[in-house]
PDB file of N, CA and C in Angstrom:
ATOM      1  N   MET A   1      -5.890  19.736   2.642  1.00  0.00           N
ATOM      2  CA  MET A   1      -6.925  18.932   2.073  1.00  0.00           C
ATOM      3  C   MET A   1      -6.306  17.659   1.571  1.00  0.00           C
ATOM      4  N   SER A   2      -6.955  16.518   1.859  1.00  0.00           N
ATOM      5  CA  SER A   2      -6.411  15.264   1.369  1.00  0.00           C
ATOM      6  C   SER A   2      -7.594  14.510   0.712  1.00  0.00           C
ATOM      7  N   PHE A   3      -7.234  13.617  -0.198  1.00  0.00           N
ATOM      8  CA  PHE A   3      -8.213  12.870  -0.917  1.00  0.00           C
ATOM      9  C   PHE A   3      -7.911  11.383  -0.769  1.00  0.00           C
ATOM     10  N   ASP A   4      -8.967  10.603  -0.700  1.00  0.00           N
ATOM     11  CA  ASP A   4      -8.792   9.131  -0.689  1.00  0.00           C
ATOM     12  C   ASP A   4      -8.763   8.684  -2.120  1.00  0.00           C
ATOM     13  N   LEU A   5      -7.602   8.263  -2.584  1.00  0.00           N
ATOM     14  CA  LEU A   5      -7.431   7.830  -3.948  1.00  0.00           C
ATOM     15  C   LEU A   5      -7.406   6.328  -4.090  1.00  0.00           C
ATOM     16  N   SER A   6      -7.753   5.632  -3.054  1.00  0.00           N
ATOM     17  CA  SER A   6      -7.626   4.161  -3.066  1.00  0.00           C
ATOM     18  C   SER A   6      -8.634   3.495  -4.021  1.00  0.00           C
ATOM     19  N   ASN A   7      -9.664   4.201  -4.433  1.00  0.00           N
ATOM     20  CA  ASN A   7     -10.678   3.631  -5.334  1.00  0.00           C
ATOM     21  C   ASN A   7     -10.403   3.985  -6.794  1.00  0.00           C
ATOM     22  N   LEU A   8      -9.301   4.655  -7.073  1.00  0.00           N
ATOM     23  CA  LEU A   8      -8.969   5.017  -8.502  1.00  0.00           C
ATOM     24  C   LEU A   8      -8.164   3.903  -9.125  1.00  0.00           C
ATOM     25  N   TYR A   9      -8.352   3.782 -10.436  1.00  0.00           N
ATOM     26  CA  TYR A   9      -7.577   2.819 -11.210  1.00  0.00           C
ATOM     27  C   TYR A   9      -6.273   3.402 -11.657  1.00  0.00           C
ATOM     28  N   ASN A  10      -5.270   2.598 -11.724  1.00  0.00           N
ATOM     29  CA  ASN A  10      -3.928   3.037 -12.127  1.00  0.00           C
ATOM     30  C   ASN A  10      -3.481   2.128 -13.274  1.00  0.00           C
ATOM     31  N   ASP A  11      -3.889   2.420 -14.461  1.00  0.00           N
ATOM     32  CA  ASP A  11      -3.559   1.590 -15.625  1.00  0.00           C
ATOM     33  C   ASP A  11      -2.259   2.092 -16.223  1.00  0.00           C
ATOM     34  N   ARG A  12      -1.389   1.135 -16.612  1.00  0.00           N
ATOM     35  CA  ARG A  12      -0.113   1.479 -17.207  1.00  0.00           C
ATOM     36  C   ARG A  12      -0.119   0.993 -18.622  1.00  0.00           C
ATOM     37  N   ILE A  13       0.313   1.980 -19.523  1.00  0.00           N
ATOM     38  CA  ILE A  13       0.537   1.608 -20.911  1.00  0.00           C
ATOM     39  C   ILE A  13       2.005   1.952 -21.169  1.00  0.00           C
ATOM     40  N   THR A  14       2.772   0.934 -21.539  1.00  0.00           N
ATOM     41  CA  THR A  14       4.197   1.076 -21.581  1.00  0.00           C
ATOM     42  C   THR A  14       4.849   0.246 -22.658  1.00  0.00           C
ATOM     43  N   ALA A  15       6.092   0.591 -22.957  1.00  0.00           N
ATOM     44  CA  ALA A  15       6.898  -0.186 -23.905  1.00  0.00           C
ATOM     45  C   ALA A  15       7.777  -1.213 -23.158  1.00  0.00           C
ATOM     46  N   PHE A  16       7.776  -1.165 -21.860  1.00  0.00           N
ATOM     47  CA  PHE A  16       8.589  -2.093 -21.074  1.00  0.00           C
ATOM     48  C   PHE A  16       7.872  -3.429 -21.112  1.00  0.00           C
ATOM     49  N   ALA A  17       8.412  -4.428 -21.818  1.00  0.00           N
ATOM     50  CA  ALA A  17       7.684  -5.612 -22.141  1.00  0.00           C
ATOM     51  C   ALA A  17       8.177  -6.859 -21.423  1.00  0.00           C
ATOM     52  N   GLU A  18       9.204  -6.718 -20.596  1.00  0.00           N
ATOM     53  CA  GLU A  18       9.721  -7.883 -19.909  1.00  0.00           C
ATOM     54  C   GLU A  18       8.787  -8.290 -18.745  1.00  0.00           C
ATOM     55  N   ARG A  19       8.766  -9.529 -18.409  1.00  0.00           N
ATOM     56  CA  ARG A  19       7.890 -10.014 -17.326  1.00  0.00           C
ATOM     57  C   ARG A  19       8.207  -9.322 -16.013  1.00  0.00           C
ATOM     58  N   ASP A  20       9.509  -9.077 -15.723  1.00  0.00           N
ATOM     59  CA  ASP A  20       9.863  -8.342 -14.524  1.00  0.00           C
ATOM     60  C   ASP A  20       9.327  -6.917 -14.493  1.00  0.00           C
ATOM     61  N   ASP A  21       9.275  -6.296 -15.668  1.00  0.00           N
ATOM     62  CA  ASP A  21       8.732  -4.917 -15.767  1.00  0.00           C
ATOM     63  C   ASP A  21       7.240  -4.931 -15.364  1.00  0.00           C
ATOM     64  N   GLU A  22       6.534  -5.880 -15.875  1.00  0.00           N
ATOM     65  CA  GLU A  22       5.116  -6.027 -15.547  1.00  0.00           C
ATOM     66  C   GLU A  22       4.913  -6.294 -14.062  1.00  0.00           C
ATOM     67  N   LEU A  23       5.707  -7.168 -13.502  1.00  0.00           N
ATOM     68  CA  LEU A  23       5.585  -7.478 -12.086  1.00  0.00           C
ATOM     69  C   LEU A  23       5.912  -6.233 -11.231  1.00  0.00           C
ATOM     70  N   HIS A  24       6.928  -5.472 -11.633  1.00  0.00           N
ATOM     71  CA  HIS A  24       7.257  -4.231 -10.884  1.00  0.00           C
ATOM     72  C   HIS A  24       6.112  -3.212 -10.992  1.00  0.00           C
ATOM     73  N   GLY A  25       5.486  -3.117 -12.188  1.00  0.00           N
ATOM     74  CA  GLY A  25       4.365  -2.182 -12.351  1.00  0.00           C
ATOM     75  C   GLY A  25       3.178  -2.558 -11.473  1.00  0.00           C
ATOM     76  N   ILE A  26       2.832  -3.874 -11.463  1.00  0.00           N
ATOM     77  CA  ILE A  26       1.766  -4.314 -10.614  1.00  0.00           C
ATOM     78  C   ILE A  26       2.074  -4.093  -9.131  1.00  0.00           C
ATOM     79  N   ALA A  27       3.349  -4.418  -8.724  1.00  0.00           N
ATOM     80  CA  ALA A  27       3.774  -4.205  -7.346  1.00  0.00           C
ATOM     81  C   ALA A  27       3.708  -2.755  -6.947  1.00  0.00           C
ATOM     82  N   ALA A  28       3.922  -1.803  -7.949  1.00  0.00           N
ATOM     83  CA  ALA A  28       3.878  -0.378  -7.663  1.00  0.00           C
ATOM     84  C   ALA A  28       2.467   0.177  -7.617  1.00  0.00           C
ATOM     85  N   GLY A  29       1.488  -0.674  -7.872  1.00  0.00           N
ATOM     86  CA  GLY A  29       0.136  -0.222  -7.729  1.00  0.00           C
ATOM     87  C   GLY A  29      -0.728  -0.223  -8.989  1.00  0.00           C
ATOM     88  N   ALA A  30      -0.149  -0.668 -10.148  1.00  0.00           N
ATOM     89  CA  ALA A  30      -0.911  -0.664 -11.385  1.00  0.00           C
ATOM     90  C   ALA A  30      -2.059  -1.708 -11.260  1.00  0.00           C
ATOM     91  N   THR A  31      -3.203  -1.276 -11.724  1.00  0.00           N
ATOM     92  CA  THR A  31      -4.340  -2.222 -11.780  1.00  0.00           C
ATOM     93  C   THR A  31      -4.403  -2.951 -13.068  1.00  0.00           C
ATOM     94  N   ALA A  32      -3.751  -2.419 -14.114  1.00  0.00           N
ATOM     95  CA  ALA A  32      -3.628  -3.074 -15.404  1.00  0.00           C
ATOM     96  C   ALA A  32      -2.342  -2.634 -16.026  1.00  0.00           C
ATOM     97  N   TYR A  33      -1.764  -3.514 -16.872  1.00  0.00           N
ATOM     98  CA  TYR A  33      -0.489  -3.269 -17.512  1.00  0.00           C
ATOM     99  C   TYR A  33      -0.581  -3.671 -18.972  1.00  0.00           C
ATOM    100  N   LEU A  34      -0.692  -2.665 -19.880  1.00  0.00           N
ATOM    101  CA  LEU A  34      -0.764  -2.933 -21.289  1.00  0.00           C
ATOM    102  C   LEU A  34       0.581  -2.591 -21.946  1.00  0.00           C
ATOM    103  N   ILE A  35       1.056  -3.521 -22.749  1.00  0.00           N
ATOM    104  CA  ILE A  35       2.379  -3.355 -23.385  1.00  0.00           C
ATOM    105  C   ILE A  35       2.152  -2.859 -24.795  1.00  0.00           C
ATOM    106  N   LYS A  36       2.886  -1.801 -25.182  1.00  0.00           N
ATOM    107  CA  LYS A  36       2.819  -1.296 -26.563  1.00  0.00           C
ATOM    108  C   LYS A  36       3.574  -2.235 -27.466  1.00  0.00           C
ATOM    109  N   PRO A  37       3.144  -2.430 -28.677  1.00  0.00           N
ATOM    110  CA  PRO A  37       1.880  -1.940 -29.234  1.00  0.00           C
ATOM    111  C   PRO A  37       0.771  -2.829 -28.700  1.00  0.00           C
ATOM    112  N   PHE A  38      -0.330  -2.209 -28.354  1.00  0.00           N
ATOM    113  CA  PHE A  38      -1.475  -2.985 -27.924  1.00  0.00           C
ATOM    114  C   PHE A  38      -2.602  -2.781 -28.896  1.00  0.00           C
ATOM    115  N   ARG A  39      -3.563  -3.606 -28.871  1.00  0.00           N
ATOM    116  CA  ARG A  39      -4.711  -3.465 -29.783  1.00  0.00           C
ATOM    117  C   ARG A  39      -5.735  -2.546 -29.156  1.00  0.00           C
ATOM    118  N   PRO A  40      -6.327  -1.656 -29.931  1.00  0.00           N
ATOM    119  CA  PRO A  40      -7.325  -0.720 -29.352  1.00  0.00           C
ATOM    120  C   PRO A  40      -8.448  -1.494 -28.611  1.00  0.00           C
ATOM    121  N   ARG A  41      -8.771  -2.684 -29.098  1.00  0.00           N
ATOM    122  CA  ARG A  41      -9.818  -3.466 -28.436  1.00  0.00           C
ATOM    123  C   ARG A  41      -9.410  -3.758 -27.004  1.00  0.00           C
ATOM    124  N   GLN A  42      -8.144  -4.064 -26.758  1.00  0.00           N
ATOM    125  CA  GLN A  42      -7.679  -4.314 -25.394  1.00  0.00           C
ATOM    126  C   GLN A  42      -7.983  -3.118 -24.472  1.00  0.00           C
ATOM    127  N   LEU A  43      -7.704  -1.904 -24.925  1.00  0.00           N
ATOM    128  CA  LEU A  43      -7.952  -0.733 -24.132  1.00  0.00           C
ATOM    129  C   LEU A  43      -9.443  -0.486 -23.887  1.00  0.00           C
ATOM    130  N   ARG A  44     -10.222  -0.709 -24.981  1.00  0.00           N
ATOM    131  CA  ARG A  44     -11.683  -0.548 -24.814  1.00  0.00           C
ATOM    132  C   ARG A  44     -12.234  -1.570 -23.799  1.00  0.00           C
ATOM    133  N   GLU A  45     -11.792  -2.816 -23.852  1.00  0.00           N
ATOM    134  CA  GLU A  45     -12.265  -3.835 -22.916  1.00  0.00           C
ATOM    135  C   GLU A  45     -11.825  -3.478 -21.501  1.00  0.00           C
ATOM    136  N   LEU A  46     -10.633  -2.984 -21.363  1.00  0.00           N
ATOM    137  CA  LEU A  46     -10.151  -2.576 -20.031  1.00  0.00           C
ATOM    138  C   LEU A  46     -10.996  -1.436 -19.479  1.00  0.00           C
ATOM    139  N   ALA A  47     -11.237  -0.431 -20.312  1.00  0.00           N
ATOM    140  CA  ALA A  47     -12.048   0.719 -19.908  1.00  0.00           C
ATOM    141  C   ALA A  47     -13.491   0.289 -19.550  1.00  0.00           C
ATOM    142  N   ALA A  48     -14.004  -0.678 -20.247  1.00  0.00           N
ATOM    143  CA  ALA A  48     -15.363  -1.129 -20.021  1.00  0.00           C
ATOM    144  C   ALA A  48     -15.508  -1.869 -18.664  1.00  0.00           C
ATOM    145  N   THR A  49     -14.424  -2.418 -18.145  1.00  0.00           N
ATOM    146  CA  THR A  49     -14.495  -3.127 -16.851  1.00  0.00           C
ATOM    147  C   THR A  49     -14.345  -2.197 -15.689  1.00  0.00           C
ATOM    148  N   GLU A  50     -13.884  -0.962 -15.939  1.00  0.00           N
ATOM    149  CA  GLU A  50     -13.679  -0.028 -14.839  1.00  0.00           C
ATOM    150  C   GLU A  50     -14.778   1.010 -14.821  1.00  0.00           C
ATOM    151  N   PRO A  51     -15.435   1.148 -13.675  1.00  0.00           N
ATOM    152  CA  PRO A  51     -16.541   2.135 -13.617  1.00  0.00           C
ATOM    153  C   PRO A  51     -16.026   3.571 -13.849  1.00  0.00           C
ATOM    154  N   SER A  52     -16.844   4.346 -14.484  1.00  0.00           N
ATOM    155  CA  SER A  52     -16.451   5.760 -14.753  1.00  0.00           C
ATOM    156  C   SER A  52     -16.592   6.566 -13.471  1.00  0.00           C
ATOM    157  N   ALA A  53     -15.655   7.457 -13.267  1.00  0.00           N
ATOM    158  CA  ALA A  53     -15.759   8.387 -12.145  1.00  0.00           C
ATOM    159  C   ALA A  53     -16.682   9.520 -12.519  1.00  0.00           C
ATOM    160  N   THR A  54     -17.782   9.644 -11.835  1.00  0.00           N
ATOM    161  CA  THR A  54     -18.735  10.709 -12.152  1.00  0.00           C
ATOM    162  C   THR A  54     -18.507  11.946 -11.272  1.00  0.00           C
ATOM    163  N   HIS A  55     -17.862  11.749 -10.151  1.00  0.00           N
ATOM    164  CA  HIS A  55     -17.519  12.884  -9.275  1.00  0.00           C
ATOM    165  C   HIS A  55     -16.318  12.552  -8.413  1.00  0.00           C
ATOM    166  N   ILE A  56     -15.411  13.491  -8.394  1.00  0.00           N
ATOM    167  CA  ILE A  56     -14.233  13.357  -7.521  1.00  0.00           C
ATOM    168  C   ILE A  56     -14.475  14.321  -6.346  1.00  0.00           C
ATOM    169  N   PRO A  57     -14.483  13.814  -5.108  1.00  0.00           N
ATOM    170  CA  PRO A  57     -14.696  14.690  -3.998  1.00  0.00           C
ATOM    171  C   PRO A  57     -13.782  15.862  -3.962  1.00  0.00           C
ATOM    172  N   GLY A  58     -14.305  17.046  -3.664  1.00  0.00           N
ATOM    173  CA  GLY A  58     -13.492  18.245  -3.601  1.00  0.00           C
ATOM    174  C   GLY A  58     -13.355  18.969  -4.900  1.00  0.00           C
ATOM    175  N   THR A  59     -14.054  18.469  -5.934  1.00  0.00           N
ATOM    176  CA  THR A  59     -14.052  19.181  -7.248  1.00  0.00           C
ATOM    177  C   THR A  59     -15.469  19.493  -7.640  1.00  0.00           C
ATOM    178  N   ARG A  60     -15.602  20.342  -8.614  1.00  0.00           N
ATOM    179  CA  ARG A  60     -16.920  20.693  -9.137  1.00  0.00           C
ATOM    180  C   ARG A  60     -17.075  19.989 -10.487  1.00  0.00           C
ATOM    181  N   ASN A  61     -18.236  19.379 -10.685  1.00  0.00           N
ATOM    182  CA  ASN A  61     -18.539  18.777 -11.971  1.00  0.00           C
ATOM    183  C   ASN A  61     -18.843  19.884 -12.967  1.00  0.00           C
ATOM    184  N   LYS A  62     -18.237  19.798 -14.134  1.00  0.00           N
ATOM    185  CA  LYS A  62     -18.518  20.770 -15.188  1.00  0.00           C
ATOM    186  C   LYS A  62     -19.694  20.234 -16.044  1.00  0.00           C
ATOM    187  N   SER A  63     -20.654  21.060 -16.295  1.00  0.00           N
ATOM    188  CA  SER A  63     -21.775  20.617 -17.103  1.00  0.00           C
ATOM    189  C   SER A  63     -21.738  21.249 -18.469  1.00  0.00           C
TER     190      SER A  63
END
């Protein structure tokens, strides 16, 4: 069984704060790169821009 994960977001929260670290993270597939310490508002704004996954193919939704 394989899944298409190309539509998933890959957000990184890290203590690696150098510009090269951020560039490597983005090159590795990160869709966002937050450096610790970050403001909670930054994380909320990031989450608000990314649609919520309501169903992942091959799984059952728990109600």
